[in-house]
Amino acid sequence: MISVTLFVGLFDMRVMQAAMNKGPDESKSGDLLYDHLDGKDELSFDIMADAGDCGNSTYAIAPLLAQRSLVVKSDDSRLIFPGGELLLIGGNLVYPNPCSFTYEQHCFCPFEYALQPPAWYMPEHITLENPELPLGVSELRQYSRPQCFMIPGNHVL
């Protein structure tokens, strides 16, 4: 509940209301809690905001976010930054019309083109009925690929 208390003003309230108004039979205990990364000593993450302003601008950044590491040359040295284990995308995810078509074209496709999807990926699940866990994974802690969380709203980050 701490995250809700701290960040409730930053969320698109329609999404928050839908999540909080589930009846006891509609939700499992802890289904909104993602604590699978809490045992790590370090966590690298990437943040991207207002990704949906244009598919082209999202695609320009998506290959960088898809890399397992980023090498930055500085004078005589090289700095190597690990790719994020977590990608947080917020703000305008699709603009100006948030419908299934623009979510697919402006939000999902640029990332799909930049980082080929895993073997269990099914295109028909791109926006609806997304499986909670990939095939062969019984809990989220076992999943080793980067994970993405999206927070829709206007300028949340």
C-alpha atoms as a PDB file:
ATOM      1  CA  MET A   1       0.000   0.000   0.000  1.00  0.00           C
ATOM      2  CA  ILE A   2       3.010   2.304   0.329  1.00  0.00           C
ATOM      3  CA  SER A   3       3.342   2.651  -3.439  1.00  0.00           C
ATOM      4  CA  VAL A   4      -0.316   3.622  -3.716  1.00  0.00           C
ATOM      5  CA  THR A   5       0.064   6.193  -0.934  1.00  0.00           C
ATOM      6  CA  LEU A   6       3.185   7.755  -2.439  1.00  0.00           C
ATOM      7  CA  PHE A   7       2.268   7.669  -6.096  1.00  0.00           C
ATOM      8  CA  VAL A   8      -1.538   7.798  -6.250  1.00  0.00           C
ATOM      9  CA  GLY A   9      -1.475  11.363  -7.567  1.00  0.00           C
ATOM     10  CA  LEU A  10       0.752  10.341 -10.462  1.00  0.00           C
ATOM     11  CA  PHE A  11      -1.417   7.561 -11.855  1.00  0.00           C
ATOM     12  CA  ASP A  12      -4.138   7.900 -14.435  1.00  0.00           C
ATOM     13  CA  MET A  13      -7.033   7.671 -11.986  1.00  0.00           C
ATOM     14  CA  ARG A  14      -9.155   5.568 -14.363  1.00  0.00           C
ATOM     15  CA  VAL A  15      -6.536   2.812 -14.231  1.00  0.00           C
ATOM     16  CA  MET A  16      -6.154   3.145 -10.466  1.00  0.00           C
ATOM     17  CA  GLN A  17      -9.921   3.001  -9.934  1.00  0.00           C
ATOM     18  CA  ALA A  18     -10.213  -0.130 -12.055  1.00  0.00           C
ATOM     19  CA  ALA A  19      -7.436  -1.812 -10.081  1.00  0.00           C
ATOM     20  CA  MET A  20      -8.743  -0.796  -6.660  1.00  0.00           C
ATOM     21  CA  ASN A  21     -12.419  -1.577  -7.325  1.00  0.00           C
ATOM     22  CA  LYS A  22     -11.988  -5.310  -7.830  1.00  0.00           C
ATOM     23  CA  GLY A  23     -14.240  -7.344  -5.615  1.00  0.00           C
ATOM     24  CA  PRO A  24     -12.821 -10.085  -3.380  1.00  0.00           C
ATOM     25  CA  ASP A  25     -13.793 -12.765  -5.899  1.00  0.00           C
ATOM     26  CA  GLU A  26     -12.170 -10.906  -8.812  1.00  0.00           C
ATOM     27  CA  SER A  27      -8.651 -10.600  -7.431  1.00  0.00           C
ATOM     28  CA  LYS A  28      -6.181 -12.882  -5.765  1.00  0.00           C
ATOM     29  CA  SER A  29      -4.367 -11.820  -2.633  1.00  0.00           C
ATOM     30  CA  GLY A  30      -1.261  -9.889  -3.643  1.00  0.00           C
ATOM     31  CA  ASP A  31      -2.034  -9.832  -7.374  1.00  0.00           C
ATOM     32  CA  LEU A  32      -0.964  -6.173  -7.645  1.00  0.00           C
ATOM     33  CA  LEU A  33       2.306  -6.733  -5.768  1.00  0.00           C
ATOM     34  CA  TYR A  34       5.439  -7.254  -7.854  1.00  0.00           C
ATOM     35  CA  ASP A  35       8.076  -8.126  -5.273  1.00  0.00           C
ATOM     36  CA  HIS A  36      10.043 -10.596  -7.398  1.00  0.00           C
ATOM     37  CA  LEU A  37      13.059  -8.249  -7.543  1.00  0.00           C
ATOM     38  CA  ASP A  38      13.188  -7.398  -3.831  1.00  0.00           C
ATOM     39  CA  GLY A  39      15.953  -9.886  -2.950  1.00  0.00           C
ATOM     40  CA  LYS A  40      18.518  -8.294  -5.270  1.00  0.00           C
ATOM     41  CA  ASP A  41      21.452  -6.275  -3.943  1.00  0.00           C
ATOM     42  CA  GLU A  42      21.450  -4.170  -7.119  1.00  0.00           C
ATOM     43  CA  LEU A  43      18.834  -3.438  -9.740  1.00  0.00           C
ATOM     44  CA  SER A  44      19.468  -1.726 -13.037  1.00  0.00           C
ATOM     45  CA  PHE A  45      16.444  -0.154 -14.655  1.00  0.00           C
ATOM     46  CA  ASP A  46      15.590   2.102 -17.562  1.00  0.00           C
ATOM     47  CA  ILE A  47      12.912   4.777 -17.659  1.00  0.00           C
ATOM     48  CA  MET A  48      11.207   6.083 -20.782  1.00  0.00           C
ATOM     49  CA  ALA A  49       8.510   8.757 -20.756  1.00  0.00           C
ATOM     50  CA  ASP A  50       5.953   9.890 -23.321  1.00  0.00           C
ATOM     51  CA  ALA A  51       6.741   6.955 -25.597  1.00  0.00           C
ATOM     52  CA  GLY A  52       3.557   7.261 -27.600  1.00  0.00           C
ATOM     53  CA  ASP A  53       4.041  10.708 -29.039  1.00  0.00           C
ATOM     54  CA  CYS A  54       5.288   9.076 -32.221  1.00  0.00           C
ATOM     55  CA  GLY A  55       6.205   5.552 -33.293  1.00  0.00           C
ATOM     56  CA  ASN A  56       9.403   6.831 -34.949  1.00  0.00           C
ATOM     57  CA  SER A  57      10.770   8.490 -31.810  1.00  0.00           C
ATOM     58  CA  THR A  58       9.975   5.394 -29.778  1.00  0.00           C
ATOM     59  CA  TYR A  59      11.758   3.217 -32.328  1.00  0.00           C
ATOM     60  CA  ALA A  60      14.819   5.493 -32.150  1.00  0.00           C
ATOM     61  CA  ILE A  61      15.165   4.744 -28.424  1.00  0.00           C
ATOM     62  CA  ALA A  62      13.882   1.137 -28.352  1.00  0.00           C
ATOM     63  CA  PRO A  63      17.089  -0.462 -29.773  1.00  0.00           C
ATOM     64  CA  LEU A  64      19.121   1.217 -27.028  1.00  0.00           C
ATOM     65  CA  LEU A  65      16.746  -0.065 -24.362  1.00  0.00           C
ATOM     66  CA  ALA A  66      16.871  -3.544 -25.909  1.00  0.00           C
ATOM     67  CA  GLN A  67      20.666  -3.858 -25.626  1.00  0.00           C
ATOM     68  CA  ARG A  68      22.096  -6.054 -22.875  1.00  0.00           C
ATOM     69  CA  SER A  69      24.694  -3.350 -22.185  1.00  0.00           C
ATOM     70  CA  LEU A  70      25.530   0.145 -23.336  1.00  0.00           C
ATOM     71  CA  VAL A  71      29.148   1.189 -23.930  1.00  0.00           C
ATOM     72  CA  VAL A  72      29.948   4.868 -23.559  1.00  0.00           C
ATOM     73  CA  LYS A  73      33.364   6.131 -24.632  1.00  0.00           C
ATOM     74  CA  SER A  74      34.744   9.000 -22.590  1.00  0.00           C
ATOM     75  CA  ASP A  75      38.190  10.378 -23.459  1.00  0.00           C
ATOM     76  CA  ASP A  76      40.509   7.388 -22.950  1.00  0.00           C
ATOM     77  CA  SER A  77      38.068   5.189 -21.052  1.00  0.00           C
ATOM     78  CA  ARG A  78      35.035   3.090 -21.756  1.00  0.00           C
ATOM     79  CA  LEU A  79      32.118   2.858 -19.388  1.00  0.00           C
ATOM     80  CA  ILE A  80      29.868  -0.185 -19.635  1.00  0.00           C
ATOM     81  CA  PHE A  81      26.368   0.114 -18.266  1.00  0.00           C
ATOM     82  CA  PRO A  82      24.241  -3.032 -17.893  1.00  0.00           C
ATOM     83  CA  GLY A  83      20.928  -3.196 -19.693  1.00  0.00           C
ATOM     84  CA  GLY A  84      17.998  -2.645 -17.412  1.00  0.00           C
ATOM     85  CA  GLU A  85      16.378  -5.619 -15.730  1.00  0.00           C
ATOM     86  CA  LEU A  86      13.272  -3.494 -15.542  1.00  0.00           C
ATOM     87  CA  LEU A  87      11.876  -0.996 -18.034  1.00  0.00           C
ATOM     88  CA  LEU A  88       9.393   1.553 -16.740  1.00  0.00           C
ATOM     89  CA  ILE A  89       7.424   3.420 -19.402  1.00  0.00           C
ATOM     90  CA  GLY A  90       5.072   6.185 -18.383  1.00  0.00           C
ATOM     91  CA  GLY A  91       3.294   9.266 -19.578  1.00  0.00           C
ATOM     92  CA  ASN A  92       1.524   9.388 -22.901  1.00  0.00           C
ATOM     93  CA  LEU A  93       1.819   5.813 -24.136  1.00  0.00           C
ATOM     94  CA  VAL A  94      -0.213   6.556 -27.248  1.00  0.00           C
ATOM     95  CA  TYR A  95      -1.148   9.956 -28.555  1.00  0.00           C
ATOM     96  CA  PRO A  96      -3.538  11.453 -29.492  1.00  0.00           C
ATOM     97  CA  ASN A  97      -5.958   8.502 -29.719  1.00  0.00           C
ATOM     98  CA  PRO A  98      -5.505   5.654 -27.194  1.00  0.00           C
ATOM     99  CA  CYS A  99      -7.127   2.763 -29.044  1.00  0.00           C
ATOM    100  CA  SER A 100      -5.984  -0.787 -29.805  1.00  0.00           C
ATOM    101  CA  PHE A 101      -4.512   0.237 -33.169  1.00  0.00           C
ATOM    102  CA  THR A 102      -2.401   3.099 -31.800  1.00  0.00           C
ATOM    103  CA  TYR A 103      -1.246   1.022 -28.822  1.00  0.00           C
ATOM    104  CA  GLU A 104       0.007  -1.608 -31.248  1.00  0.00           C
ATOM    105  CA  GLN A 105       1.555   0.801 -33.776  1.00  0.00           C
ATOM    106  CA  HIS A 106       3.022   3.451 -31.458  1.00  0.00           C
ATOM    107  CA  CYS A 107       3.815   1.461 -28.347  1.00  0.00           C
ATOM    108  CA  PHE A 108       4.330  -2.250 -28.975  1.00  0.00           C
ATOM    109  CA  CYS A 109       5.595  -2.521 -32.572  1.00  0.00           C
ATOM    110  CA  PRO A 110       8.666  -0.269 -32.144  1.00  0.00           C
ATOM    111  CA  PHE A 111       9.878  -2.501 -29.308  1.00  0.00           C
ATOM    112  CA  GLU A 112       9.038  -5.681 -31.197  1.00  0.00           C
ATOM    113  CA  TYR A 113      11.074  -4.462 -34.177  1.00  0.00           C
ATOM    114  CA  ALA A 114      14.000  -3.485 -31.927  1.00  0.00           C
ATOM    115  CA  LEU A 115      14.080  -6.652 -29.813  1.00  0.00           C
ATOM    116  CA  GLN A 116      12.830  -9.866 -31.321  1.00  0.00           C
ATOM    117  CA  PRO A 117      10.192 -11.395 -29.067  1.00  0.00           C
ATOM    118  CA  PRO A 118      10.856 -14.614 -27.127  1.00  0.00           C
ATOM    119  CA  ALA A 119       9.704 -17.986 -28.458  1.00  0.00           C
ATOM    120  CA  TRP A 120       6.552 -18.051 -26.287  1.00  0.00           C
ATOM    121  CA  TYR A 121       5.310 -14.716 -27.693  1.00  0.00           C
ATOM    122  CA  MET A 122       1.922 -14.855 -29.434  1.00  0.00           C
ATOM    123  CA  PRO A 123       0.897 -11.816 -31.525  1.00  0.00           C
ATOM    124  CA  GLU A 124      -2.769 -12.289 -30.669  1.00  0.00           C
ATOM    125  CA  HIS A 125      -1.910 -11.502 -27.040  1.00  0.00           C
ATOM    126  CA  ILE A 126      -0.298  -8.164 -27.831  1.00  0.00           C
ATOM    127  CA  THR A 127      -2.953  -6.019 -26.119  1.00  0.00           C
ATOM    128  CA  LEU A 128      -5.563  -8.350 -24.633  1.00  0.00           C
ATOM    129  CA  GLU A 129      -5.492 -11.506 -22.532  1.00  0.00           C
ATOM    130  CA  ASN A 130      -1.749 -11.267 -22.008  1.00  0.00           C
ATOM    131  CA  PRO A 131      -0.586 -14.360 -20.097  1.00  0.00           C
ATOM    132  CA  GLU A 132       0.523 -13.677 -16.529  1.00  0.00           C
ATOM    133  CA  LEU A 133       3.660 -15.774 -17.020  1.00  0.00           C
ATOM    134  CA  PRO A 134       5.455 -17.119 -20.092  1.00  0.00           C
ATOM    135  CA  LEU A 135       5.147 -20.805 -20.874  1.00  0.00           C
ATOM    136  CA  GLY A 136       7.488 -22.912 -18.741  1.00  0.00           C
ATOM    137  CA  VAL A 137       7.786 -20.290 -15.986  1.00  0.00           C
ATOM    138  CA  SER A 138       5.906 -21.021 -12.774  1.00  0.00           C
ATOM    139  CA  GLU A 139       6.784 -17.798 -10.940  1.00  0.00           C
ATOM    140  CA  LEU A 140       8.078 -14.399 -12.008  1.00  0.00           C
ATOM    141  CA  ARG A 141      11.341 -14.799 -10.043  1.00  0.00           C
ATOM    142  CA  GLN A 142      12.353 -17.507 -12.549  1.00  0.00           C
ATOM    143  CA  TYR A 143      11.998 -15.198 -15.553  1.00  0.00           C
ATOM    144  CA  SER A 144      15.453 -13.992 -16.606  1.00  0.00           C
ATOM    145  CA  ARG A 145      14.644 -11.539 -19.396  1.00  0.00           C
ATOM    146  CA  PRO A 146      13.996  -7.819 -18.852  1.00  0.00           C
ATOM    147  CA  GLN A 147      10.494  -6.917 -17.733  1.00  0.00           C
ATOM    148  CA  CYS A 148       8.449  -3.873 -18.634  1.00  0.00           C
ATOM    149  CA  PHE A 149       5.810  -2.019 -16.659  1.00  0.00           C
ATOM    150  CA  MET A 150       3.719   0.716 -18.260  1.00  0.00           C
ATOM    151  CA  ILE A 151       1.923   3.448 -16.346  1.00  0.00           C
ATOM    152  CA  PRO A 152      -0.472   5.313 -18.639  1.00  0.00           C
ATOM    153  CA  GLY A 153      -1.279   8.910 -17.893  1.00  0.00           C
ATOM    154  CA  ASN A 154      -0.249  12.409 -18.749  1.00  0.00           C
ATOM    155  CA  HIS A 155       3.351  13.212 -17.781  1.00  0.00           C
ATOM    156  CA  VAL A 156       3.659  10.777 -14.871  1.00  0.00           C
ATOM    157  CA  LEU A 157       7.444  10.539 -14.824  1.00  0.00           C
END
